[in-house]
All heavy atoms as atom14 arrays in JSON, in Angstrom:
{
  "sequence": "EVAFDRDLKRRNGLQEAVYHRIKADFDLGAQAAVRTIKK",
  "atom14_mask": [
    [1, 1, 1, 1, 1, 1, 1, 1, 1, 0, 0, 0, 0, 0],
    [1, 1, 1, 1, 1, 1, 1, 0, 0, 0, 0, 0, 0, 0],
    [1, 1, 1, 1, 1, 0, 0, 0, 0, 0, 0, 0, 0, 0],
    [1, 1, 1, 1, 1, 1, 1, 1, 1, 1, 1, 0, 0, 0],
    [1, 1, 1, 1, 1, 1, 1, 1, 0, 0, 0, 0, 0, 0],
    [1, 1, 1, 1, 1, 1, 1, 1, 1, 1, 1, 0, 0, 0],
    [1, 1, 1, 1, 1, 1, 1, 1, 0, 0, 0, 0, 0, 0],
    [1, 1, 1, 1, 1, 1, 1, 1, 0, 0, 0, 0, 0, 0],
    [1, 1, 1, 1, 1, 1, 1, 1, 1, 0, 0, 0, 0, 0],
    [1, 1, 1, 1, 1, 1, 1, 1, 1, 1, 1, 0, 0, 0],
    [1, 1, 1, 1, 1, 1, 1, 1, 1, 1, 1, 0, 0, 0],
    [1, 1, 1, 1, 1, 1, 1, 1, 0, 0, 0, 0, 0, 0],
    [1, 1, 1, 1, 0, 0, 0, 0, 0, 0, 0, 0, 0, 0],
    [1, 1, 1, 1, 1, 1, 1, 1, 0, 0, 0, 0, 0, 0],
    [1, 1, 1, 1, 1, 1, 1, 1, 1, 0, 0, 0, 0, 0],
    [1, 1, 1, 1, 1, 1, 1, 1, 1, 0, 0, 0, 0, 0],
    [1, 1, 1, 1, 1, 0, 0, 0, 0, 0, 0, 0, 0, 0],
    [1, 1, 1, 1, 1, 1, 1, 0, 0, 0, 0, 0, 0, 0],
    [1, 1, 1, 1, 1, 1, 1, 1, 1, 1, 1, 1, 0, 0],
    [1, 1, 1, 1, 1, 1, 1, 1, 1, 1, 0, 0, 0, 0],
    [1, 1, 1, 1, 1, 1, 1, 1, 1, 1, 1, 0, 0, 0],
    [1, 1, 1, 1, 1, 1, 1, 1, 0, 0, 0, 0, 0, 0],
    [1, 1, 1, 1, 1, 1, 1, 1, 1, 0, 0, 0, 0, 0],
    [1, 1, 1, 1, 1, 0, 0, 0, 0, 0, 0, 0, 0, 0],
    [1, 1, 1, 1, 1, 1, 1, 1, 0, 0, 0, 0, 0, 0],
    [1, 1, 1, 1, 1, 1, 1, 1, 1, 1, 1, 0, 0, 0],
    [1, 1, 1, 1, 1, 1, 1, 1, 0, 0, 0, 0, 0, 0],
    [1, 1, 1, 1, 1, 1, 1, 1, 0, 0, 0, 0, 0, 0],
    [1, 1, 1, 1, 0, 0, 0, 0, 0, 0, 0, 0, 0, 0],
    [1, 1, 1, 1, 1, 0, 0, 0, 0, 0, 0, 0, 0, 0],
    [1, 1, 1, 1, 1, 1, 1, 1, 1, 0, 0, 0, 0, 0],
    [1, 1, 1, 1, 1, 0, 0, 0, 0, 0, 0, 0, 0, 0],
    [1, 1, 1, 1, 1, 0, 0, 0, 0, 0, 0, 0, 0, 0],
    [1, 1, 1, 1, 1, 1, 1, 0, 0, 0, 0, 0, 0, 0],
    [1, 1, 1, 1, 1, 1, 1, 1, 1, 1, 1, 0, 0, 0],
    [1, 1, 1, 1, 1, 1, 1, 0, 0, 0, 0, 0, 0, 0],
    [1, 1, 1, 1, 1, 1, 1, 1, 0, 0, 0, 0, 0, 0],
    [1, 1, 1, 1, 1, 1, 1, 1, 1, 0, 0, 0, 0, 0],
    [1, 1, 1, 1, 1, 1, 1, 1, 1, 0, 0, 0, 0, 0]
  ],
  "atom14_positions": [
    [[96.62, 89.42, 107.26], [96.02, 90.19, 108.47], [97.23, 90.93, 109.19], [97.15, 92.05, 109.63], [95.28, 89.36, 109.38], [93.91, 88.84, 108.95], [93.1, 88.02, 109.73], [93.64, 87.69, 110.92], [92.03, 87.44, 109.37], [0.0, 0.0, 0.0], [0.0, 0.0, 0.0], [0.0, 0.0, 0.0], [0.0, 0.0, 0.0], [0.0, 0.0, 0.0]],
    [[98.3, 90.13, 109.55], [99.42, 90.7, 110.19], [100.09, 91.83, 109.23], [100.45, 92.95, 109.75], [100.42, 89.7, 110.47], [101.81, 90.23, 111.09], [99.91, 88.61, 111.36], [0.0, 0.0, 0.0], [0.0, 0.0, 0.0], [0.0, 0.0, 0.0], [0.0, 0.0, 0.0], [0.0, 0.0, 0.0], [0.0, 0.0, 0.0], [0.0, 0.0, 0.0]],
    [[100.24, 91.56, 107.95], [100.69, 92.63, 107.03], [99.89, 93.88, 107.03], [100.39, 95.0, 106.99], [100.84, 92.01, 105.61], [0.0, 0.0, 0.0], [0.0, 0.0, 0.0], [0.0, 0.0, 0.0], [0.0, 0.0, 0.0], [0.0, 0.0, 0.0], [0.0, 0.0, 0.0], [0.0, 0.0, 0.0], [0.0, 0.0, 0.0], [0.0, 0.0, 0.0]],
    [[98.62, 93.72, 107.19], [97.71, 94.89, 107.11], [97.82, 95.63, 108.41], [97.77, 96.86, 108.52], [96.23, 94.51, 106.77], [95.31, 95.53, 106.74], [95.18, 96.23, 105.69], [94.5, 95.85, 107.91], [94.23, 97.43, 105.54], [93.53, 96.84, 107.8], [93.51, 97.74, 106.66], [0.0, 0.0, 0.0], [0.0, 0.0, 0.0], [0.0, 0.0, 0.0]],
    [[97.69, 94.9, 109.61], [97.7, 95.51, 110.89], [98.91, 96.22, 111.28], [98.95, 97.31, 111.84], [97.24, 94.49, 112.0], [95.9, 93.97, 111.82], [95.13, 94.61, 111.17], [95.63, 92.82, 112.3], [0.0, 0.0, 0.0], [0.0, 0.0, 0.0], [0.0, 0.0, 0.0], [0.0, 0.0, 0.0], [0.0, 0.0, 0.0], [0.0, 0.0, 0.0]],
    [[100.0, 95.63, 110.89], [101.32, 96.1, 111.27], [102.07, 96.8, 110.02], [103.17, 97.16, 110.25], [102.15, 95.03, 111.8], [101.57, 94.29, 112.96], [102.26, 93.13, 113.43], [103.75, 93.34, 113.74], [104.57, 92.37, 114.28], [104.16, 91.12, 114.37], [105.85, 92.58, 114.38], [0.0, 0.0, 0.0], [0.0, 0.0, 0.0], [0.0, 0.0, 0.0]],
    [[101.4, 96.99, 108.91], [101.91, 97.54, 107.75], [103.34, 96.94, 107.3], [104.36, 97.59, 107.11], [102.16, 99.12, 108.08], [102.38, 99.95, 106.69], [102.03, 99.34, 105.66], [103.08, 100.98, 106.79], [0.0, 0.0, 0.0], [0.0, 0.0, 0.0], [0.0, 0.0, 0.0], [0.0, 0.0, 0.0], [0.0, 0.0, 0.0], [0.0, 0.0, 0.0]],
    [[103.32, 95.71, 107.33], [104.45, 94.96, 106.83], [104.16, 94.32, 105.39], [103.79, 93.13, 105.2], [104.75, 93.77, 107.83], [105.0, 94.18, 109.23], [105.24, 92.93, 110.14], [106.31, 95.11, 109.27], [0.0, 0.0, 0.0], [0.0, 0.0, 0.0], [0.0, 0.0, 0.0], [0.0, 0.0, 0.0], [0.0, 0.0, 0.0], [0.0, 0.0, 0.0]],
    [[104.44, 95.14, 104.49], [104.13, 94.74, 103.01], [105.33, 94.17, 102.32], [105.23, 93.72, 101.22], [103.46, 95.96, 102.3], [102.41, 96.51, 102.99], [101.15, 95.66, 103.31], [100.06, 96.45, 104.02], [99.61, 97.63, 103.59], [0.0, 0.0, 0.0], [0.0, 0.0, 0.0], [0.0, 0.0, 0.0], [0.0, 0.0, 0.0], [0.0, 0.0, 0.0]],
    [[106.54, 94.34, 102.91], [107.78, 93.88, 102.29], [108.03, 92.52, 102.75], [107.77, 92.14, 103.94], [108.94, 94.79, 102.62], [108.7, 96.18, 101.85], [109.92, 97.01, 102.07], [109.84, 98.34, 101.53], [110.19, 98.65, 100.15], [110.6, 97.47, 99.53], [109.94, 99.73, 99.76], [0.0, 0.0, 0.0], [0.0, 0.0, 0.0], [0.0, 0.0, 0.0]],
    [[108.7, 91.67, 101.93], [108.84, 90.33, 102.12], [109.75, 90.01, 103.48], [109.38, 89.24, 104.25], [109.42, 89.53, 100.98], [109.73, 88.03, 101.2], [110.33, 87.5, 99.96], [110.74, 86.08, 100.2], [111.32, 85.38, 99.2], [111.57, 85.87, 98.02], [111.67, 84.12, 99.46], [0.0, 0.0, 0.0], [0.0, 0.0, 0.0], [0.0, 0.0, 0.0]],
    [[110.83, 90.77, 103.56], [111.68, 90.4, 104.74], [110.93, 90.69, 105.99], [111.08, 89.83, 107.01], [112.93, 91.2, 104.62], [113.8, 90.74, 103.5], [113.76, 89.57, 103.02], [114.76, 91.53, 102.97], [0.0, 0.0, 0.0], [0.0, 0.0, 0.0], [0.0, 0.0, 0.0], [0.0, 0.0, 0.0], [0.0, 0.0, 0.0], [0.0, 0.0, 0.0]],
    [[110.4, 91.88, 106.07], [109.61, 92.27, 107.38], [108.52, 91.21, 107.6], [108.44, 90.76, 108.87], [0.0, 0.0, 0.0], [0.0, 0.0, 0.0], [0.0, 0.0, 0.0], [0.0, 0.0, 0.0], [0.0, 0.0, 0.0], [0.0, 0.0, 0.0], [0.0, 0.0, 0.0], [0.0, 0.0, 0.0], [0.0, 0.0, 0.0], [0.0, 0.0, 0.0]],
    [[107.74, 90.96, 106.59], [106.61, 90.12, 106.98], [107.1, 88.64, 107.17], [106.47, 87.98, 108.06], [105.57, 90.12, 105.74], [104.35, 89.16, 105.84], [103.52, 89.71, 107.12], [103.56, 89.17, 104.64], [0.0, 0.0, 0.0], [0.0, 0.0, 0.0], [0.0, 0.0, 0.0], [0.0, 0.0, 0.0], [0.0, 0.0, 0.0], [0.0, 0.0, 0.0]],
    [[108.12, 88.25, 106.63], [108.61, 86.77, 106.88], [109.24, 86.69, 108.29], [108.88, 85.72, 108.93], [109.72, 86.45, 105.84], [110.22, 85.1, 105.94], [111.07, 84.75, 104.76], [110.65, 84.94, 103.67], [112.1, 84.0, 105.09], [0.0, 0.0, 0.0], [0.0, 0.0, 0.0], [0.0, 0.0, 0.0], [0.0, 0.0, 0.0], [0.0, 0.0, 0.0]],
    [[109.7, 87.8, 108.76], [110.23, 87.6, 110.07], [109.21, 87.67, 111.16], [109.21, 87.1, 112.15], [111.19, 88.9, 110.32], [111.84, 89.04, 111.74], [112.72, 90.18, 111.98], [112.91, 90.91, 110.9], [113.25, 90.4, 113.11], [0.0, 0.0, 0.0], [0.0, 0.0, 0.0], [0.0, 0.0, 0.0], [0.0, 0.0, 0.0], [0.0, 0.0, 0.0]],
    [[108.03, 88.28, 110.87], [106.96, 88.35, 111.78], [106.03, 87.1, 111.86], [105.53, 86.69, 112.82], [106.1, 89.55, 111.49], [0.0, 0.0, 0.0], [0.0, 0.0, 0.0], [0.0, 0.0, 0.0], [0.0, 0.0, 0.0], [0.0, 0.0, 0.0], [0.0, 0.0, 0.0], [0.0, 0.0, 0.0], [0.0, 0.0, 0.0], [0.0, 0.0, 0.0]],
    [[105.91, 86.43, 110.59], [104.87, 85.38, 110.5], [105.42, 84.0, 110.19], [104.68, 82.96, 110.12], [103.73, 85.77, 109.56], [103.16, 87.04, 110.03], [104.2, 85.97, 108.19], [0.0, 0.0, 0.0], [0.0, 0.0, 0.0], [0.0, 0.0, 0.0], [0.0, 0.0, 0.0], [0.0, 0.0, 0.0], [0.0, 0.0, 0.0], [0.0, 0.0, 0.0]],
    [[106.63, 83.92, 109.83], [107.07, 82.61, 109.2], [107.0, 81.5, 110.18], [106.32, 80.39, 109.84], [108.61, 82.84, 108.88], [109.27, 81.43, 108.54], [109.12, 80.91, 107.29], [110.04, 80.8, 109.34], [109.74, 79.68, 106.9], [110.72, 79.59, 109.01], [110.52, 78.99, 107.84], [111.06, 77.83, 107.56], [0.0, 0.0, 0.0], [0.0, 0.0, 0.0]],
    [[107.46, 81.57, 111.44], [107.33, 80.48, 112.31], [105.84, 80.21, 112.79], [105.55, 79.02, 112.95], [108.27, 80.81, 113.59], [109.64, 80.86, 113.26], [110.48, 79.72, 113.05], [110.6, 81.87, 113.2], [111.75, 80.1, 112.74], [111.78, 81.38, 112.88], [0.0, 0.0, 0.0], [0.0, 0.0, 0.0], [0.0, 0.0, 0.0], [0.0, 0.0, 0.0]],
    [[105.01, 81.26, 112.76], [103.79, 81.08, 113.28], [102.91, 80.35, 112.27], [102.31, 79.3, 112.56], [103.18, 82.49, 113.42], [101.55, 82.49, 113.67], [100.98, 83.81, 113.79], [99.53, 83.73, 113.51], [98.8, 84.85, 113.42], [99.29, 86.01, 113.4], [97.54, 84.7, 113.26], [0.0, 0.0, 0.0], [0.0, 0.0, 0.0], [0.0, 0.0, 0.0]],
    [[102.88, 80.7, 110.99], [102.17, 79.94, 109.99], [102.72, 78.5, 109.77], [102.0, 77.71, 109.29], [102.02, 80.77, 108.73], [103.35, 81.0, 107.93], [101.41, 82.14, 108.94], [103.19, 81.55, 106.56], [0.0, 0.0, 0.0], [0.0, 0.0, 0.0], [0.0, 0.0, 0.0], [0.0, 0.0, 0.0], [0.0, 0.0, 0.0], [0.0, 0.0, 0.0]],
    [[103.98, 78.5, 109.83], [104.68, 77.1, 109.59], [104.15, 76.07, 110.63], [103.91, 75.02, 110.39], [106.12, 77.32, 109.72], [107.05, 76.02, 109.35], [108.45, 76.28, 109.17], [109.22, 75.08, 108.76], [109.27, 74.08, 109.98], [0.0, 0.0, 0.0], [0.0, 0.0, 0.0], [0.0, 0.0, 0.0], [0.0, 0.0, 0.0], [0.0, 0.0, 0.0]],
    [[103.89, 76.63, 111.93], [103.61, 75.65, 112.99], [102.07, 75.58, 113.03], [101.56, 74.49, 113.08], [104.05, 76.27, 114.36], [0.0, 0.0, 0.0], [0.0, 0.0, 0.0], [0.0, 0.0, 0.0], [0.0, 0.0, 0.0], [0.0, 0.0, 0.0], [0.0, 0.0, 0.0], [0.0, 0.0, 0.0], [0.0, 0.0, 0.0], [0.0, 0.0, 0.0]],
    [[101.29, 76.71, 112.8], [99.82, 76.61, 112.9], [99.28, 75.77, 111.82], [98.08, 75.17, 111.94], [99.26, 78.1, 112.91], [99.67, 78.7, 114.21], [100.2, 78.07, 115.2], [99.41, 79.96, 114.34], [0.0, 0.0, 0.0], [0.0, 0.0, 0.0], [0.0, 0.0, 0.0], [0.0, 0.0, 0.0], [0.0, 0.0, 0.0], [0.0, 0.0, 0.0]],
    [[99.83, 75.92, 110.72], [99.18, 75.32, 109.36], [100.03, 74.03, 108.86], [99.67, 73.48, 107.86], [98.99, 76.28, 108.29], [98.04, 77.42, 108.76], [98.63, 78.63, 109.24], [96.76, 77.28, 108.64], [97.84, 79.59, 109.56], [95.86, 78.44, 108.98], [96.44, 79.53, 109.48], [0.0, 0.0, 0.0], [0.0, 0.0, 0.0], [0.0, 0.0, 0.0]],
    [[101.07, 73.64, 109.67], [101.76, 72.48, 109.33], [102.31, 72.57, 107.87], [102.28, 71.62, 107.1], [100.89, 71.15, 109.41], [101.78, 69.98, 109.52], [102.99, 70.0, 109.78], [101.31, 68.88, 109.11], [0.0, 0.0, 0.0], [0.0, 0.0, 0.0], [0.0, 0.0, 0.0], [0.0, 0.0, 0.0], [0.0, 0.0, 0.0], [0.0, 0.0, 0.0]],
    [[102.99, 73.71, 107.66], [103.56, 74.01, 106.33], [104.95, 73.6, 106.3], [105.66, 73.74, 107.23], [103.36, 75.46, 105.86], [101.99, 75.95, 105.59], [102.03, 77.4, 105.18], [101.21, 75.11, 104.63], [0.0, 0.0, 0.0], [0.0, 0.0, 0.0], [0.0, 0.0, 0.0], [0.0, 0.0, 0.0], [0.0, 0.0, 0.0], [0.0, 0.0, 0.0]],
    [[105.52, 73.13, 105.12], [106.99, 73.06, 105.04], [107.61, 74.4, 104.96], [107.05, 75.35, 104.71], [0.0, 0.0, 0.0], [0.0, 0.0, 0.0], [0.0, 0.0, 0.0], [0.0, 0.0, 0.0], [0.0, 0.0, 0.0], [0.0, 0.0, 0.0], [0.0, 0.0, 0.0], [0.0, 0.0, 0.0], [0.0, 0.0, 0.0], [0.0, 0.0, 0.0]],
    [[109.01, 74.35, 105.0], [109.8, 75.73, 105.06], [109.53, 76.35, 103.74], [109.12, 77.65, 103.86], [111.2, 75.43, 105.37], [0.0, 0.0, 0.0], [0.0, 0.0, 0.0], [0.0, 0.0, 0.0], [0.0, 0.0, 0.0], [0.0, 0.0, 0.0], [0.0, 0.0, 0.0], [0.0, 0.0, 0.0], [0.0, 0.0, 0.0], [0.0, 0.0, 0.0]],
    [[109.68, 75.69, 102.59], [109.47, 76.51, 101.33], [108.05, 76.82, 101.14], [107.77, 77.9, 100.42], [110.12, 75.53, 100.15], [111.56, 75.55, 100.07], [112.15, 76.87, 100.05], [112.95, 77.13, 100.99], [111.9, 77.55, 99.04], [0.0, 0.0, 0.0], [0.0, 0.0, 0.0], [0.0, 0.0, 0.0], [0.0, 0.0, 0.0], [0.0, 0.0, 0.0]],
    [[107.09, 75.98, 101.55], [105.68, 76.39, 101.42], [105.41, 77.73, 102.18], [104.59, 78.5, 101.77], [104.82, 75.24, 101.86], [0.0, 0.0, 0.0], [0.0, 0.0, 0.0], [0.0, 0.0, 0.0], [0.0, 0.0, 0.0], [0.0, 0.0, 0.0], [0.0, 0.0, 0.0], [0.0, 0.0, 0.0], [0.0, 0.0, 0.0], [0.0, 0.0, 0.0]],
    [[105.89, 77.86, 103.29], [105.67, 78.99, 104.17], [106.33, 80.18, 103.37], [105.66, 81.29, 103.4], [106.3, 78.81, 105.58], [0.0, 0.0, 0.0], [0.0, 0.0, 0.0], [0.0, 0.0, 0.0], [0.0, 0.0, 0.0], [0.0, 0.0, 0.0], [0.0, 0.0, 0.0], [0.0, 0.0, 0.0], [0.0, 0.0, 0.0], [0.0, 0.0, 0.0]],
    [[107.5, 80.06, 102.87], [108.2, 81.19, 102.18], [107.4, 81.54, 101.06], [107.2, 82.77, 100.75], [109.62, 80.75, 101.89], [110.24, 81.79, 100.93], [110.44, 80.62, 103.12], [0.0, 0.0, 0.0], [0.0, 0.0, 0.0], [0.0, 0.0, 0.0], [0.0, 0.0, 0.0], [0.0, 0.0, 0.0], [0.0, 0.0, 0.0], [0.0, 0.0, 0.0]],
    [[106.94, 80.56, 100.07], [106.19, 80.95, 98.97], [104.84, 81.53, 99.36], [104.3, 82.4, 98.64], [105.82, 79.61, 98.2], [107.11, 78.83, 97.52], [107.78, 79.9, 96.53], [108.96, 80.53, 97.22], [109.68, 81.36, 96.68], [109.24, 82.03, 95.57], [110.68, 81.9, 97.29], [0.0, 0.0, 0.0], [0.0, 0.0, 0.0], [0.0, 0.0, 0.0]],
    [[104.08, 81.19, 100.46], [102.94, 81.79, 100.85], [103.03, 83.12, 101.24], [102.32, 84.15, 100.89], [102.32, 80.88, 102.07], [102.16, 79.55, 101.57], [101.1, 81.59, 102.41], [0.0, 0.0, 0.0], [0.0, 0.0, 0.0], [0.0, 0.0, 0.0], [0.0, 0.0, 0.0], [0.0, 0.0, 0.0], [0.0, 0.0, 0.0], [0.0, 0.0, 0.0]],
    [[104.13, 83.47, 101.97], [104.46, 84.83, 102.39], [104.77, 85.74, 101.11], [104.2, 86.83, 101.08], [105.68, 84.94, 103.37], [105.24, 84.2, 104.62], [106.16, 86.42, 103.73], [106.39, 83.88, 105.65], [0.0, 0.0, 0.0], [0.0, 0.0, 0.0], [0.0, 0.0, 0.0], [0.0, 0.0, 0.0], [0.0, 0.0, 0.0], [0.0, 0.0, 0.0]],
    [[105.51, 85.17, 100.24], [105.72, 85.97, 99.01], [104.37, 86.19, 98.28], [104.34, 87.31, 97.65], [106.66, 85.19, 98.16], [107.08, 86.04, 96.86], [108.08, 85.18, 96.1], [108.52, 86.1, 94.87], [107.4, 86.25, 93.92], [0.0, 0.0, 0.0], [0.0, 0.0, 0.0], [0.0, 0.0, 0.0], [0.0, 0.0, 0.0], [0.0, 0.0, 0.0]],
    [[103.53, 85.28, 98.23], [102.23, 85.58, 97.5], [101.45, 86.68, 98.22], [100.87, 87.48, 97.52], [101.37, 84.17, 97.62], [100.07, 84.32, 97.03], [99.37, 82.99, 96.82], [98.82, 82.4, 98.09], [97.88, 81.35, 97.94], [0.0, 0.0, 0.0], [0.0, 0.0, 0.0], [0.0, 0.0, 0.0], [0.0, 0.0, 0.0], [0.0, 0.0, 0.0]]
  ]
}
């Protein structure tokens, strides 16, 4: 949703915007959050 609303389709830009958020909100590990963003 963040990628679509803010047109962040590249990994570096999207990871900077959502990494800490999804890691905390969904209790993901660091690598799990990175793999999810890449997906």
